[in-house]
Each structure stands twice: as structure tokens, then as C-alpha cells.
Amino acid sequence: MTCKDFPRAPVQLFSSRPTSQGWLSINIATTPQQAGTSRSDPLGISTMKLFTGLILCSLVLGVHSQWMSFFGEAYEGAKDMWRAYQDMKEANYRGADKYFHARGNYDAARRGPGGAWAAKVISNARETIQGITDPLFKGMTRDQVREDSKADQFANEWGRSGKDPNHFRPAGLPDKY
């Protein structure tokens, strides 16, 4: 007798039904009826399940890499904002704050969507905090605070939109900045 004399029976290797061992089990059957499959699907895995699983895995991996990129951009954008703030404090130049607002937002937004998001969150938080502290420590009125905040936000949006921050650069500001 040779191997050709024995009929070949399909074998179901995976089962989608829960078993006592868990969801994945090996099920060896000798006939298609025992395996619960047809001759066109010898492994018992439907094409739709396989396709759905592949799509789900690729989406999860793709979203994961996009989130990691977003957080990296946000981190670098926050560093750009901090650098602009430090430069503004170091320069201590009257009338240059709008330039540094625009420059920080411009640099952060160039990092990508994460950087633009970080710039917006930091800018809005800073303006909110200044709305509380400026009347207390600088003696500004609410109207003065509102006008200054409006001008700062304009410079912030100018920079985030990719426009040149030098539009706000005051005459005489050292070239270092």
C-alpha cells in the first residue's frame, strides 16, 4: 500500500468556539462534517474573520505609531515654547513680547500637529494665568488685561499659522533672538 491509497481528510487546526483550554484549540477531525467546515475552507478560518483581524491589527499598529509621533511632536513643541519664553526673559526688551509669542508658536507648530497642539494649550494657559496675576502684581485693569491678552493671542495664532514671526520683531532687538 502507498500513501495514495489513503483518502486525505481536511484537518481543522483552529476553533473559534471557547473550550476548556481557552479560545484557541487544536481540533483534528477526519471528515469535513466533523470539523464543521466545507471542502473550500479546510482550516475552518473564514476569510472574513481573517481579513477583519488583519485590518484591526494594521489599524492598531498604525494608530500607535501616530500617537507616539504626536506626543514626540508635542514634547518638542513644548521645549520650543519654553526656549522662546527663556529668550524673552533674557532679552528683557520692551515691546518684544509679541515677537516671542509668535516665535514660540511658530517653532512649535513646525514640529507637526502635536507641536501645534502643545503651543495652543501652553499659550491659552499662559493667557489665563496672566488674566489672574496681571491685575494683582502689575496693577493692570481688567480692560488692559483683556486688550493685552487679545494682542498676545493674535501673535500666538499668527505664529501657529506659519506666518513669519519677524512681523512682530521690534526695532533694535539684538540679532541673537
C-alpha atoms as a PDB file:
ATOM      1  CA  MET A   1       0.000   0.000   0.000  1.00  0.00           C
ATOM      2  CA  THR A   2       1.135   3.519  -0.750  1.00  0.00           C
ATOM      3  CA  CYS A   3       0.115   6.923   0.572  1.00  0.00           C
ATOM      4  CA  LYS A   4      -2.101   7.383  -2.477  1.00  0.00           C
ATOM      5  CA  ASP A   5      -4.355   4.562  -1.290  1.00  0.00           C
ATOM      6  CA  PHE A   6      -5.472   6.501   1.829  1.00  0.00           C
ATOM      7  CA  PRO A   7      -8.075   9.238   1.407  1.00  0.00           C
ATOM      8  CA  ARG A   8      -6.978  12.700   2.528  1.00  0.00           C
ATOM      9  CA  ALA A   9      -9.246  14.323   5.094  1.00  0.00           C
ATOM     10  CA  PRO A  10      -9.180  18.046   5.840  1.00  0.00           C
ATOM     11  CA  VAL A  11      -7.939  18.996   9.267  1.00  0.00           C
ATOM     12  CA  GLN A  12      -9.300  21.880  11.346  1.00  0.00           C
ATOM     13  CA  LEU A  13      -6.411  23.383  13.266  1.00  0.00           C
ATOM     14  CA  PHE A  14      -8.145  26.298  14.985  1.00  0.00           C
ATOM     15  CA  SER A  15     -11.538  26.606  16.596  1.00  0.00           C
ATOM     16  CA  SER A  16     -13.373  29.871  17.188  1.00  0.00           C
ATOM     17  CA  ARG A  17     -15.528  28.310  19.896  1.00  0.00           C
ATOM     18  CA  PRO A  18     -14.423  28.514  23.541  1.00  0.00           C
ATOM     19  CA  THR A  19     -13.085  25.301  25.009  1.00  0.00           C
ATOM     20  CA  SER A  20     -11.900  24.298  28.432  1.00  0.00           C
ATOM     21  CA  GLN A  21      -8.369  25.257  27.343  1.00  0.00           C
ATOM     22  CA  GLY A  22      -9.419  28.722  26.110  1.00  0.00           C
ATOM     23  CA  TRP A  23     -10.392  30.230  22.768  1.00  0.00           C
ATOM     24  CA  LEU A  24      -7.634  28.721  20.686  1.00  0.00           C
ATOM     25  CA  SER A  25      -7.532  24.973  20.472  1.00  0.00           C
ATOM     26  CA  ILE A  26      -6.316  22.339  18.064  1.00  0.00           C
ATOM     27  CA  ASN A  27      -9.082  20.191  16.698  1.00  0.00           C
ATOM     28  CA  ILE A  28      -8.126  17.313  14.442  1.00  0.00           C
ATOM     29  CA  ALA A  29     -11.073  15.848  12.595  1.00  0.00           C
ATOM     30  CA  THR A  30     -11.163  13.256   9.902  1.00  0.00           C
ATOM     31  CA  THR A  31     -14.105  14.491   7.836  1.00  0.00           C
ATOM     32  CA  PRO A  32     -15.370  17.928   6.850  1.00  0.00           C
ATOM     33  CA  GLN A  33     -18.615  17.282   8.735  1.00  0.00           C
ATOM     34  CA  GLN A  34     -16.737  16.542  11.957  1.00  0.00           C
ATOM     35  CA  ALA A  35     -14.620  19.641  11.546  1.00  0.00           C
ATOM     36  CA  GLY A  36     -17.655  21.831  10.848  1.00  0.00           C
ATOM     37  CA  THR A  37     -16.160  23.121   7.635  1.00  0.00           C
ATOM     38  CA  SER A  38     -16.620  22.740   3.962  1.00  0.00           C
ATOM     39  CA  ARG A  39     -14.051  21.498   1.486  1.00  0.00           C
ATOM     40  CA  SER A  40     -13.391  25.083   0.342  1.00  0.00           C
ATOM     41  CA  ASP A  41     -12.272  26.164   3.842  1.00  0.00           C
ATOM     42  CA  PRO A  42     -10.125  23.313   5.171  1.00  0.00           C
ATOM     43  CA  LEU A  43      -8.688  25.219   8.164  1.00  0.00           C
ATOM     44  CA  GLY A  44     -12.047  26.410   9.472  1.00  0.00           C
ATOM     45  CA  ILE A  45     -10.998  30.075   9.390  1.00  0.00           C
ATOM     46  CA  SER A  46     -13.427  32.164   7.435  1.00  0.00           C
ATOM     47  CA  THR A  47     -11.932  34.624   5.019  1.00  0.00           C
ATOM     48  CA  MET A  48     -13.960  37.419   6.613  1.00  0.00           C
ATOM     49  CA  LYS A  49     -12.538  36.714  10.089  1.00  0.00           C
ATOM     50  CA  LEU A  50      -9.019  36.623   8.735  1.00  0.00           C
ATOM     51  CA  PHE A  51      -9.498  39.852   6.782  1.00  0.00           C
ATOM     52  CA  THR A  52     -11.087  41.603   9.775  1.00  0.00           C
ATOM     53  CA  GLY A  53      -8.249  40.504  12.038  1.00  0.00           C
ATOM     54  CA  LEU A  54      -5.611  41.775   9.630  1.00  0.00           C
ATOM     55  CA  ILE A  55      -7.359  45.138   9.248  1.00  0.00           C
ATOM     56  CA  LEU A  56      -7.738  45.501  13.027  1.00  0.00           C
ATOM     57  CA  CYS A  57      -4.060  44.727  13.645  1.00  0.00           C
ATOM     58  CA  SER A  58      -2.897  47.177  10.995  1.00  0.00           C
ATOM     59  CA  LEU A  59      -5.137  49.916  12.411  1.00  0.00           C
ATOM     60  CA  VAL A  60      -3.886  49.350  15.948  1.00  0.00           C
ATOM     61  CA  LEU A  61      -0.257  49.430  14.833  1.00  0.00           C
ATOM     62  CA  GLY A  62      -0.816  52.493  12.656  1.00  0.00           C
ATOM     63  CA  VAL A  63      -2.655  54.444  15.358  1.00  0.00           C
ATOM     64  CA  HIS A  64       0.007  53.505  17.897  1.00  0.00           C
ATOM     65  CA  SER A  65       2.781  54.912  15.745  1.00  0.00           C
ATOM     66  CA  GLN A  66       0.783  58.093  15.042  1.00  0.00           C
ATOM     67  CA  TRP A  67       0.169  58.665  18.761  1.00  0.00           C
ATOM     68  CA  MET A  68       3.851  58.189  19.531  1.00  0.00           C
ATOM     69  CA  SER A  69       4.709  60.703  16.827  1.00  0.00           C
ATOM     70  CA  PHE A  70       2.100  63.158  18.160  1.00  0.00           C
ATOM     71  CA  PHE A  71       3.458  63.002  21.703  1.00  0.00           C
ATOM     72  CA  GLY A  72       7.033  63.431  20.458  1.00  0.00           C
ATOM     73  CA  GLU A  73       5.986  66.498  18.471  1.00  0.00           C
ATOM     74  CA  ALA A  74       4.112  67.880  21.491  1.00  0.00           C
ATOM     75  CA  TYR A  75       7.162  67.413  23.710  1.00  0.00           C
ATOM     76  CA  GLU A  76       9.470  69.131  21.233  1.00  0.00           C
ATOM     77  CA  GLY A  77       6.896  71.908  20.712  1.00  0.00           C
ATOM     78  CA  ALA A  78       6.714  72.498  24.465  1.00  0.00           C
ATOM     79  CA  LYS A  79      10.509  72.806  24.504  1.00  0.00           C
ATOM     80  CA  ASP A  80      10.281  75.392  21.697  1.00  0.00           C
ATOM     81  CA  MET A  81       7.756  77.376  23.727  1.00  0.00           C
ATOM     82  CA  TRP A  82       9.985  77.216  26.804  1.00  0.00           C
ATOM     83  CA  ARG A  83      13.015  78.366  24.785  1.00  0.00           C
ATOM     84  CA  ALA A  84      11.077  81.383  23.453  1.00  0.00           C
ATOM     85  CA  TYR A  85       9.973  82.242  26.993  1.00  0.00           C
ATOM     86  CA  GLN A  86      13.544  81.995  28.302  1.00  0.00           C
ATOM     87  CA  ASP A  87      14.781  84.176  25.440  1.00  0.00           C
ATOM     88  CA  MET A  88      12.074  86.748  26.191  1.00  0.00           C
ATOM     89  CA  LYS A  89      13.131  86.898  29.834  1.00  0.00           C
ATOM     90  CA  GLU A  90      16.819  87.101  28.906  1.00  0.00           C
ATOM     91  CA  ALA A  91      16.289  89.824  26.300  1.00  0.00           C
ATOM     92  CA  ASN A  92      14.161  91.880  28.716  1.00  0.00           C
ATOM     93  CA  TYR A  93      13.347  94.164  25.795  1.00  0.00           C
ATOM     94  CA  ARG A  94      10.325  96.459  25.941  1.00  0.00           C
ATOM     95  CA  GLY A  95       7.721  95.691  23.273  1.00  0.00           C
ATOM     96  CA  ALA A  96       9.220  92.324  22.254  1.00  0.00           C
ATOM     97  CA  ASP A  97       6.719  90.033  23.964  1.00  0.00           C
ATOM     98  CA  LYS A  98       4.501  89.698  20.875  1.00  0.00           C
ATOM     99  CA  TYR A  99       7.542  88.665  18.823  1.00  0.00           C
ATOM    100  CA  PHE A 100       8.454  85.950  21.320  1.00  0.00           C
ATOM    101  CA  HIS A 101       4.833  84.769  21.449  1.00  0.00           C
ATOM    102  CA  ALA A 102       4.762  84.447  17.667  1.00  0.00           C
ATOM    103  CA  ARG A 103       8.218  82.841  17.502  1.00  0.00           C
ATOM    104  CA  GLY A 104       7.467  80.205  20.149  1.00  0.00           C
ATOM    105  CA  ASN A 105       4.200  79.237  18.471  1.00  0.00           C
ATOM    106  CA  TYR A 106       5.831  79.262  15.021  1.00  0.00           C
ATOM    107  CA  ASP A 107       8.684  76.968  16.084  1.00  0.00           C
ATOM    108  CA  ALA A 108       6.346  74.581  17.917  1.00  0.00           C
ATOM    109  CA  ALA A 109       3.815  74.373  15.083  1.00  0.00           C
ATOM    110  CA  ARG A 110       6.564  73.494  12.610  1.00  0.00           C
ATOM    111  CA  ARG A 111       7.044  70.243  14.560  1.00  0.00           C
ATOM    112  CA  GLY A 112       3.673  68.976  13.351  1.00  0.00           C
ATOM    113  CA  PRO A 113       0.161  68.565  14.782  1.00  0.00           C
ATOM    114  CA  GLY A 114       1.484  67.642  18.225  1.00  0.00           C
ATOM    115  CA  GLY A 115       3.632  70.753  18.368  1.00  0.00           C
ATOM    116  CA  ALA A 116       0.757  72.991  17.271  1.00  0.00           C
ATOM    117  CA  TRP A 117      -1.469  71.411  19.928  1.00  0.00           C
ATOM    118  CA  ALA A 118       1.155  71.967  22.640  1.00  0.00           C
ATOM    119  CA  ALA A 119       1.639  75.582  21.536  1.00  0.00           C
ATOM    120  CA  LYS A 120      -2.093  76.250  21.694  1.00  0.00           C
ATOM    121  CA  VAL A 121      -2.518  74.640  25.120  1.00  0.00           C
ATOM    122  CA  ILE A 122       0.505  76.458  26.586  1.00  0.00           C
ATOM    123  CA  SER A 123      -0.491  79.805  25.058  1.00  0.00           C
ATOM    124  CA  ASN A 124      -4.049  79.570  26.341  1.00  0.00           C
ATOM    125  CA  ALA A 125      -2.897  78.516  29.809  1.00  0.00           C
ATOM    126  CA  ARG A 126      -0.412  81.377  29.951  1.00  0.00           C
ATOM    127  CA  GLU A 127      -3.047  83.930  28.969  1.00  0.00           C
ATOM    128  CA  THR A 128      -5.480  82.540  31.536  1.00  0.00           C
ATOM    129  CA  ILE A 129      -2.884  82.749  34.294  1.00  0.00           C
ATOM    130  CA  GLN A 130      -1.873  86.283  33.256  1.00  0.00           C
ATOM    131  CA  GLY A 131      -5.522  87.292  33.390  1.00  0.00           C
ATOM    132  CA  ILE A 132      -5.405  86.500  37.098  1.00  0.00           C
ATOM    133  CA  THR A 133      -1.897  87.651  38.015  1.00  0.00           C
ATOM    134  CA  ASP A 134      -1.528  90.874  35.986  1.00  0.00           C
ATOM    135  CA  PRO A 135      -4.225  92.807  37.882  1.00  0.00           C
ATOM    136  CA  LEU A 136      -2.711  91.666  41.176  1.00  0.00           C
ATOM    137  CA  PHE A 137       1.019  92.136  40.503  1.00  0.00           C
ATOM    138  CA  LYS A 138       1.178  94.712  37.694  1.00  0.00           C
ATOM    139  CA  GLY A 139      -1.797  96.826  38.741  1.00  0.00           C
ATOM    140  CA  MET A 140      -3.473  96.450  35.347  1.00  0.00           C
ATOM    141  CA  THR A 141      -7.209  96.961  34.959  1.00  0.00           C
ATOM    142  CA  ARG A 142      -9.427  94.237  33.547  1.00  0.00           C
ATOM    143  CA  ASP A 143      -9.744  96.158  30.288  1.00  0.00           C
ATOM    144  CA  GLN A 144      -5.964  96.467  29.958  1.00  0.00           C
ATOM    145  CA  VAL A 145      -5.550  92.746  30.658  1.00  0.00           C
ATOM    146  CA  ARG A 146      -8.227  91.909  28.077  1.00  0.00           C
ATOM    147  CA  GLU A 147      -6.571  94.070  25.388  1.00  0.00           C
ATOM    148  CA  ASP A 148      -3.094  92.683  26.124  1.00  0.00           C
ATOM    149  CA  SER A 149      -4.408  89.111  26.068  1.00  0.00           C
ATOM    150  CA  LYS A 150      -6.185  89.752  22.765  1.00  0.00           C
ATOM    151  CA  ALA A 151      -2.959  91.086  21.204  1.00  0.00           C
ATOM    152  CA  ASP A 152      -0.948  88.150  22.620  1.00  0.00           C
ATOM    153  CA  GLN A 153      -3.446  85.637  21.231  1.00  0.00           C
ATOM    154  CA  PHE A 154      -3.262  87.324  17.836  1.00  0.00           C
ATOM    155  CA  ALA A 155       0.537  86.907  17.865  1.00  0.00           C
ATOM    156  CA  ASN A 156       0.149  83.284  19.047  1.00  0.00           C
ATOM    157  CA  GLU A 157      -2.220  82.425  16.197  1.00  0.00           C
ATOM    158  CA  TRP A 158      -0.001  84.297  13.726  1.00  0.00           C
ATOM    159  CA  GLY A 159       2.945  82.088  14.639  1.00  0.00           C
ATOM    160  CA  ARG A 160       0.944  78.839  14.733  1.00  0.00           C
ATOM    161  CA  SER A 161      -0.434  79.534  11.255  1.00  0.00           C
ATOM    162  CA  GLY A 162       3.119  79.519   9.856  1.00  0.00           C
ATOM    163  CA  LYS A 163       3.398  83.262   9.239  1.00  0.00           C
ATOM    164  CA  ASP A 164       6.753  84.945   9.816  1.00  0.00           C
ATOM    165  CA  PRO A 165       7.176  85.914  13.500  1.00  0.00           C
ATOM    166  CA  ASN A 166       9.518  88.753  12.479  1.00  0.00           C
ATOM    167  CA  HIS A 167       6.353  90.728  11.693  1.00  0.00           C
ATOM    168  CA  PHE A 168       6.256  91.463  15.444  1.00  0.00           C
ATOM    169  CA  ARG A 169      10.017  91.979  15.887  1.00  0.00           C
ATOM    170  CA  PRO A 170      10.696  95.397  17.438  1.00  0.00           C
ATOM    171  CA  ALA A 171      13.435  97.618  16.041  1.00  0.00           C
ATOM    172  CA  GLY A 172      16.654  97.292  17.997  1.00  0.00           C
ATOM    173  CA  LEU A 173      16.101  93.754  19.328  1.00  0.00           C
ATOM    174  CA  PRO A 174      19.516  92.051  19.256  1.00  0.00           C
ATOM    175  CA  ASP A 175      20.100  89.652  16.341  1.00  0.00           C
ATOM    176  CA  LYS A 176      20.716  86.836  18.830  1.00  0.00           C
ATOM    177  CA  TYR A 177      16.932  86.499  19.122  1.00  0.00           C
END
